[in-house]
Amino acid sequence: MRALLPAAVLLLALAGCGDRPADAGGAAAPPPATAARGEVAGVVRTADGRPLGGALVVPRSLDTPAEPIPELAVVTDRAGGYRWTLPPGRYELSVRLGERRPVPARTVTVEAGRTATVDW
């Protein structure tokens, strides 16, 4: 039971975190216009072509000043797919999964209102 307490406290603390500030009445502010963002989507596969589920896709902004990135990473689904909404800009995307050998990073330009495809 004691081992679960720190995890429960962390979950409760994170439950109040979000990307939208509350207004004075406590209601969440409306989300930013989706036209001001773009998407990156794709599929991560192993060297022999099998989908790689559970991998982390990690971005790094290449812009100066660097674009703020809303999440640290996204996780691929069972079919190796991922989809991510990001502010417009240039990014380097890398894939990580435990002790597997790293794969080369990919560079992508995200444009507002468009979806860029980056596969591995």
N, C-alpha and C. Protein backbone atom coordinates (compact mmCIF):
# COMPACT_ATOMS: atom_id res chain seq x y z
N MET A 1 0.82 -1.18 0.00
CA MET A 1 0.00 0.00 0.00
C MET A 1 0.87 1.26 0.00
N ARG A 2 1.94 1.25 0.81
CA ARG A 2 2.82 2.41 0.86
C ARG A 2 3.45 2.70 -0.49
N ALA A 3 3.73 1.66 -1.27
CA ALA A 3 4.35 1.85 -2.58
C ALA A 3 3.41 2.56 -3.54
N LEU A 4 2.11 2.42 -3.35
CA LEU A 4 1.14 3.05 -4.24
C LEU A 4 0.92 4.52 -3.91
N LEU A 5 1.23 4.94 -2.70
CA LEU A 5 0.97 6.31 -2.29
C LEU A 5 1.71 7.34 -3.15
N PRO A 6 3.03 7.21 -3.39
CA PRO A 6 3.69 8.21 -4.24
C PRO A 6 3.10 8.26 -5.65
N ALA A 7 2.75 7.11 -6.20
CA ALA A 7 2.16 7.09 -7.54
C ALA A 7 0.80 7.77 -7.55
N ALA A 8 0.00 7.54 -6.51
CA ALA A 8 -1.31 8.18 -6.42
C ALA A 8 -1.18 9.69 -6.29
N VAL A 9 -0.23 10.15 -5.50
CA VAL A 9 -0.01 11.59 -5.33
C VAL A 9 0.41 12.21 -6.66
N LEU A 10 1.30 11.55 -7.38
CA LEU A 10 1.75 12.05 -8.68
C LEU A 10 0.59 12.12 -9.67
N LEU A 11 -0.24 11.09 -9.72
CA LEU A 11 -1.39 11.09 -10.62
C LEU A 11 -2.36 12.22 -10.29
N LEU A 12 -2.61 12.44 -9.01
CA LEU A 12 -3.50 13.53 -8.61
C LEU A 12 -2.93 14.88 -8.98
N ALA A 13 -1.62 15.04 -8.81
CA ALA A 13 -0.99 16.31 -9.17
C ALA A 13 -1.06 16.55 -10.67
N LEU A 14 -0.83 15.51 -11.46
CA LEU A 14 -0.86 15.66 -12.91
C LEU A 14 -2.27 15.81 -13.45
N ALA A 15 -3.25 15.32 -12.72
CA ALA A 15 -4.64 15.41 -13.18
C ALA A 15 -5.08 16.86 -13.32
N GLY A 16 -4.51 17.74 -12.53
CA GLY A 16 -4.86 19.16 -12.62
C GLY A 16 -4.09 19.90 -13.67
N CYS A 17 -3.11 19.26 -14.30
CA CYS A 17 -2.30 19.91 -15.32
C CYS A 17 -3.01 19.83 -16.66
N GLY A 18 -2.93 20.87 -17.40
CA GLY A 18 -3.52 20.88 -18.74
C GLY A 18 -2.91 21.98 -19.56
N ASP A 19 -3.23 22.01 -20.84
CA ASP A 19 -2.66 23.02 -21.70
C ASP A 19 -3.57 24.23 -21.86
N ARG A 20 -4.70 24.23 -21.15
CA ARG A 20 -5.62 25.36 -21.25
C ARG A 20 -5.80 26.00 -19.88
N PRO A 21 -5.53 27.32 -19.77
CA PRO A 21 -5.72 27.98 -18.49
C PRO A 21 -7.19 28.14 -18.16
N ALA A 22 -7.49 28.20 -16.88
CA ALA A 22 -8.87 28.42 -16.44
C ALA A 22 -9.12 29.92 -16.37
N ASP A 23 -10.36 30.34 -16.65
CA ASP A 23 -10.71 31.74 -16.49
C ASP A 23 -11.06 32.00 -15.03
N ALA A 24 -11.46 33.22 -14.72
CA ALA A 24 -11.73 33.59 -13.33
C ALA A 24 -12.85 32.75 -12.73
N GLY A 25 -13.78 32.27 -13.55
CA GLY A 25 -14.89 31.47 -13.04
C GLY A 25 -14.53 30.01 -12.88
N GLY A 26 -13.32 29.62 -13.23
CA GLY A 26 -12.89 28.24 -13.07
C GLY A 26 -13.11 27.38 -14.30
N ALA A 27 -13.81 27.90 -15.31
CA ALA A 27 -14.04 27.12 -16.53
C ALA A 27 -12.80 27.19 -17.41
N ALA A 28 -12.57 26.16 -18.16
CA ALA A 28 -11.40 26.13 -19.05
C ALA A 28 -11.59 27.12 -20.18
N ALA A 29 -10.52 27.81 -20.53
CA ALA A 29 -10.55 28.74 -21.66
C ALA A 29 -10.66 27.92 -22.94
N PRO A 30 -11.22 28.50 -24.00
CA PRO A 30 -11.34 27.75 -25.24
C PRO A 30 -9.97 27.41 -25.81
N PRO A 31 -9.85 26.29 -26.53
CA PRO A 31 -8.56 25.92 -27.09
C PRO A 31 -8.14 26.91 -28.16
N PRO A 32 -6.82 27.03 -28.42
CA PRO A 32 -6.36 27.93 -29.47
C PRO A 32 -6.90 27.46 -30.82
N ALA A 33 -6.97 28.38 -31.75
CA ALA A 33 -7.48 28.04 -33.08
C ALA A 33 -6.65 26.94 -33.69
N THR A 34 -7.32 25.92 -34.22
CA THR A 34 -6.59 24.80 -34.79
C THR A 34 -5.86 25.18 -36.06
N ALA A 35 -6.30 26.25 -36.74
CA ALA A 35 -5.62 26.68 -37.95
C ALA A 35 -4.21 27.16 -37.65
N ALA A 36 -3.93 27.53 -36.40
CA ALA A 36 -2.60 28.01 -36.03
C ALA A 36 -1.64 26.85 -35.77
N ARG A 37 -2.10 25.63 -35.96
CA ARG A 37 -1.26 24.45 -35.72
C ARG A 37 -1.31 23.54 -36.92
N GLY A 38 -0.35 22.66 -37.00
CA GLY A 38 -0.33 21.64 -38.03
C GLY A 38 -0.16 20.28 -37.38
N GLU A 39 -0.06 19.25 -38.20
CA GLU A 39 0.10 17.90 -37.66
C GLU A 39 1.26 17.19 -38.33
N VAL A 40 1.83 16.26 -37.58
CA VAL A 40 2.79 15.30 -38.12
C VAL A 40 2.18 13.93 -37.84
N ALA A 41 2.18 13.08 -38.84
CA ALA A 41 1.63 11.73 -38.68
C ALA A 41 2.51 10.76 -39.45
N GLY A 42 2.50 9.52 -39.02
CA GLY A 42 3.28 8.51 -39.73
C GLY A 42 3.22 7.17 -39.05
N VAL A 43 4.08 6.28 -39.54
CA VAL A 43 4.16 4.92 -39.02
C VAL A 43 5.63 4.60 -38.77
N VAL A 44 5.91 3.98 -37.62
CA VAL A 44 7.26 3.54 -37.27
C VAL A 44 7.30 2.03 -37.45
N ARG A 45 8.28 1.56 -38.22
CA ARG A 45 8.42 0.13 -38.49
C ARG A 45 9.84 -0.34 -38.13
N THR A 46 9.95 -1.63 -37.87
CA THR A 46 11.27 -2.23 -37.63
C THR A 46 11.99 -2.35 -38.97
N ALA A 47 13.26 -2.74 -38.93
CA ALA A 47 14.05 -2.88 -40.15
C ALA A 47 13.43 -3.88 -41.12
N ASP A 48 12.71 -4.88 -40.60
CA ASP A 48 12.09 -5.88 -41.48
C ASP A 48 10.64 -5.53 -41.83
N GLY A 49 10.20 -4.29 -41.52
CA GLY A 49 8.90 -3.81 -41.95
C GLY A 49 7.73 -4.03 -41.00
N ARG A 50 7.97 -4.61 -39.83
CA ARG A 50 6.89 -4.82 -38.87
C ARG A 50 6.59 -3.52 -38.12
N PRO A 51 5.30 -3.24 -37.82
CA PRO A 51 4.97 -2.04 -37.06
C PRO A 51 5.60 -2.07 -35.67
N LEU A 52 6.04 -0.93 -35.20
CA LEU A 52 6.70 -0.83 -33.91
C LEU A 52 5.80 -0.05 -32.94
N GLY A 53 4.97 -0.77 -32.20
CA GLY A 53 4.09 -0.15 -31.22
C GLY A 53 4.83 0.14 -29.93
N GLY A 54 4.41 1.19 -29.23
CA GLY A 54 5.00 1.53 -27.94
C GLY A 54 6.30 2.31 -28.03
N ALA A 55 6.68 2.75 -29.22
CA ALA A 55 7.90 3.55 -29.37
C ALA A 55 7.59 5.02 -29.08
N LEU A 56 8.60 5.75 -28.62
CA LEU A 56 8.45 7.18 -28.40
C LEU A 56 8.92 7.93 -29.64
N VAL A 57 8.12 8.87 -30.11
CA VAL A 57 8.53 9.81 -31.15
C VAL A 57 8.80 11.12 -30.43
N VAL A 58 10.06 11.59 -30.50
CA VAL A 58 10.52 12.73 -29.70
C VAL A 58 10.93 13.87 -30.64
N PRO A 59 10.37 15.08 -30.42
CA PRO A 59 10.71 16.21 -31.28
C PRO A 59 11.80 17.09 -30.67
N ARG A 60 12.44 17.84 -31.55
CA ARG A 60 13.36 18.92 -31.14
C ARG A 60 13.14 20.04 -32.13
N SER A 61 12.82 21.23 -31.63
CA SER A 61 12.59 22.37 -32.52
C SER A 61 13.91 22.81 -33.12
N LEU A 62 13.91 23.06 -34.43
CA LEU A 62 15.10 23.55 -35.13
C LEU A 62 15.02 25.05 -35.37
N ASP A 63 13.93 25.68 -34.95
CA ASP A 63 13.75 27.11 -35.15
C ASP A 63 14.50 27.91 -34.09
N THR A 64 14.82 29.17 -34.44
CA THR A 64 15.43 30.09 -33.49
C THR A 64 14.56 31.33 -33.45
N PRO A 65 13.93 31.65 -32.33
CA PRO A 65 13.91 30.89 -31.09
C PRO A 65 13.11 29.60 -31.26
N ALA A 66 13.42 28.64 -30.43
CA ALA A 66 12.78 27.32 -30.52
C ALA A 66 11.29 27.42 -30.23
N GLU A 67 10.50 26.70 -31.03
CA GLU A 67 9.06 26.63 -30.80
C GLU A 67 8.80 25.84 -29.52
N PRO A 68 7.85 26.30 -28.67
CA PRO A 68 7.49 25.49 -27.51
C PRO A 68 6.76 24.23 -27.97
N ILE A 69 7.10 23.11 -27.39
CA ILE A 69 6.49 21.83 -27.76
C ILE A 69 5.57 21.40 -26.63
N PRO A 70 4.26 21.19 -26.94
CA PRO A 70 3.30 20.92 -25.86
C PRO A 70 3.53 19.62 -25.10
N GLU A 71 4.04 18.58 -25.73
CA GLU A 71 4.32 17.31 -25.05
C GLU A 71 5.77 16.94 -25.30
N LEU A 72 6.34 16.16 -24.39
CA LEU A 72 7.73 15.73 -24.57
C LEU A 72 7.87 14.69 -25.66
N ALA A 73 6.85 13.86 -25.84
CA ALA A 73 6.90 12.78 -26.84
C ALA A 73 5.48 12.25 -27.03
N VAL A 74 5.30 11.50 -28.12
CA VAL A 74 4.06 10.75 -28.30
C VAL A 74 4.45 9.28 -28.45
N VAL A 75 3.51 8.40 -28.13
CA VAL A 75 3.76 6.95 -28.17
C VAL A 75 3.03 6.37 -29.37
N THR A 76 3.73 5.52 -30.13
CA THR A 76 3.09 4.88 -31.28
C THR A 76 2.07 3.85 -30.80
N ASP A 77 1.01 3.68 -31.60
CA ASP A 77 -0.02 2.69 -31.26
C ASP A 77 0.45 1.29 -31.68
N ARG A 78 -0.40 0.29 -31.51
CA ARG A 78 -0.03 -1.10 -31.82
C ARG A 78 0.36 -1.29 -33.28
N ALA A 79 -0.19 -0.45 -34.16
CA ALA A 79 0.12 -0.55 -35.59
C ALA A 79 1.32 0.32 -35.97
N GLY A 80 2.00 0.89 -34.96
CA GLY A 80 3.18 1.72 -35.21
C GLY A 80 2.84 3.15 -35.59
N GLY A 81 1.55 3.49 -35.59
CA GLY A 81 1.13 4.83 -36.02
C GLY A 81 1.21 5.86 -34.91
N TYR A 82 1.37 7.10 -35.34
CA TYR A 82 1.33 8.23 -34.41
C TYR A 82 0.75 9.44 -35.14
N ARG A 83 0.23 10.37 -34.39
CA ARG A 83 -0.30 11.63 -34.92
C ARG A 83 -0.06 12.68 -33.84
N TRP A 84 0.42 13.83 -34.26
CA TRP A 84 0.81 14.84 -33.29
C TRP A 84 0.48 16.22 -33.81
N THR A 85 -0.20 17.04 -33.01
CA THR A 85 -0.48 18.43 -33.35
C THR A 85 0.62 19.29 -32.75
N LEU A 86 1.25 20.10 -33.63
CA LEU A 86 2.37 20.94 -33.20
C LEU A 86 2.23 22.35 -33.78
N PRO A 87 2.86 23.35 -33.14
CA PRO A 87 2.90 24.68 -33.73
C PRO A 87 3.71 24.64 -35.04
N PRO A 88 3.42 25.51 -35.99
CA PRO A 88 4.20 25.53 -37.22
C PRO A 88 5.69 25.75 -36.92
N GLY A 89 6.55 25.13 -37.71
CA GLY A 89 7.99 25.29 -37.54
C GLY A 89 8.73 24.08 -38.08
N ARG A 90 10.05 24.10 -37.91
CA ARG A 90 10.90 22.98 -38.33
C ARG A 90 11.28 22.17 -37.11
N TYR A 91 11.19 20.84 -37.25
CA TYR A 91 11.46 19.93 -36.14
C TYR A 91 12.34 18.77 -36.61
N GLU A 92 13.13 18.26 -35.68
CA GLU A 92 13.83 17.00 -35.88
C GLU A 92 13.10 15.98 -35.02
N LEU A 93 12.65 14.88 -35.63
CA LEU A 93 11.94 13.83 -34.90
C LEU A 93 12.85 12.62 -34.78
N SER A 94 12.89 12.05 -33.59
CA SER A 94 13.65 10.82 -33.39
C SER A 94 12.74 9.78 -32.74
N VAL A 95 13.12 8.51 -32.89
CA VAL A 95 12.34 7.40 -32.34
C VAL A 95 13.18 6.70 -31.29
N ARG A 96 12.54 6.39 -30.16
CA ARG A 96 13.23 5.67 -29.08
C ARG A 96 12.35 4.55 -28.57
N LEU A 97 12.98 3.40 -28.32
CA LEU A 97 12.26 2.27 -27.71
C LEU A 97 13.26 1.45 -26.93
N GLY A 98 13.30 1.68 -25.62
CA GLY A 98 14.16 0.90 -24.74
C GLY A 98 15.59 0.81 -25.22
N GLU A 99 16.11 -0.40 -25.28
CA GLU A 99 17.50 -0.63 -25.63
C GLU A 99 17.72 -0.85 -27.13
N ARG A 100 16.69 -0.72 -27.92
CA ARG A 100 16.86 -0.93 -29.37
C ARG A 100 17.84 0.09 -29.93
N ARG A 101 18.52 -0.33 -30.98
CA ARG A 101 19.47 0.55 -31.65
C ARG A 101 18.72 1.76 -32.21
N PRO A 102 19.25 2.98 -32.01
CA PRO A 102 18.54 4.16 -32.50
C PRO A 102 18.45 4.18 -34.03
N VAL A 103 17.38 4.77 -34.52
CA VAL A 103 17.22 4.94 -35.96
C VAL A 103 17.52 6.40 -36.29
N PRO A 104 17.91 6.69 -37.54
CA PRO A 104 18.23 8.08 -37.89
C PRO A 104 17.03 9.01 -37.67
N ALA A 105 17.32 10.20 -37.19
CA ALA A 105 16.28 11.21 -36.99
C ALA A 105 15.82 11.73 -38.34
N ARG A 106 14.62 12.28 -38.37
CA ARG A 106 14.04 12.86 -39.59
C ARG A 106 13.72 14.33 -39.32
N THR A 107 13.86 15.15 -40.35
CA THR A 107 13.52 16.56 -40.26
C THR A 107 12.21 16.80 -40.98
N VAL A 108 11.35 17.63 -40.38
CA VAL A 108 10.04 17.91 -40.97
C VAL A 108 9.69 19.39 -40.74
N THR A 109 8.98 19.95 -41.71
CA THR A 109 8.43 21.30 -41.56
C THR A 109 6.93 21.17 -41.36
N VAL A 110 6.45 21.69 -40.24
CA VAL A 110 5.02 21.67 -39.92
C VAL A 110 4.42 23.00 -40.36
N GLU A 111 3.36 22.92 -41.17
CA GLU A 111 2.66 24.12 -41.64
C GLU A 111 1.27 24.16 -41.03
N ALA A 112 0.80 25.37 -40.72
CA ALA A 112 -0.53 25.54 -40.11
C ALA A 112 -1.61 24.95 -41.01
N GLY A 113 -2.50 24.16 -40.40
CA GLY A 113 -3.62 23.59 -41.12
C GLY A 113 -3.30 22.43 -42.04
N ARG A 114 -2.06 21.93 -42.01
CA ARG A 114 -1.65 20.83 -42.90
C ARG A 114 -1.10 19.67 -42.08
N THR A 115 -1.06 18.49 -42.72
CA THR A 115 -0.48 17.30 -42.08
C THR A 115 0.75 16.87 -42.87
N ALA A 116 1.89 16.80 -42.18
CA ALA A 116 3.12 16.30 -42.79
C ALA A 116 3.27 14.83 -42.41
N THR A 117 3.76 14.02 -43.33
CA THR A 117 3.94 12.59 -43.07
C THR A 117 5.42 12.29 -42.88
N VAL A 118 5.73 11.64 -41.76
CA VAL A 118 7.10 11.20 -41.48
C VAL A 118 7.02 9.74 -41.03
N ASP A 119 7.55 8.85 -41.87
CA ASP A 119 7.57 7.41 -41.57
C ASP A 119 9.01 6.97 -41.33
N TRP A 120 9.16 5.89 -40.58
CA TRP A 120 10.46 5.24 -40.42
C TRP A 120 10.33 3.82 -40.88
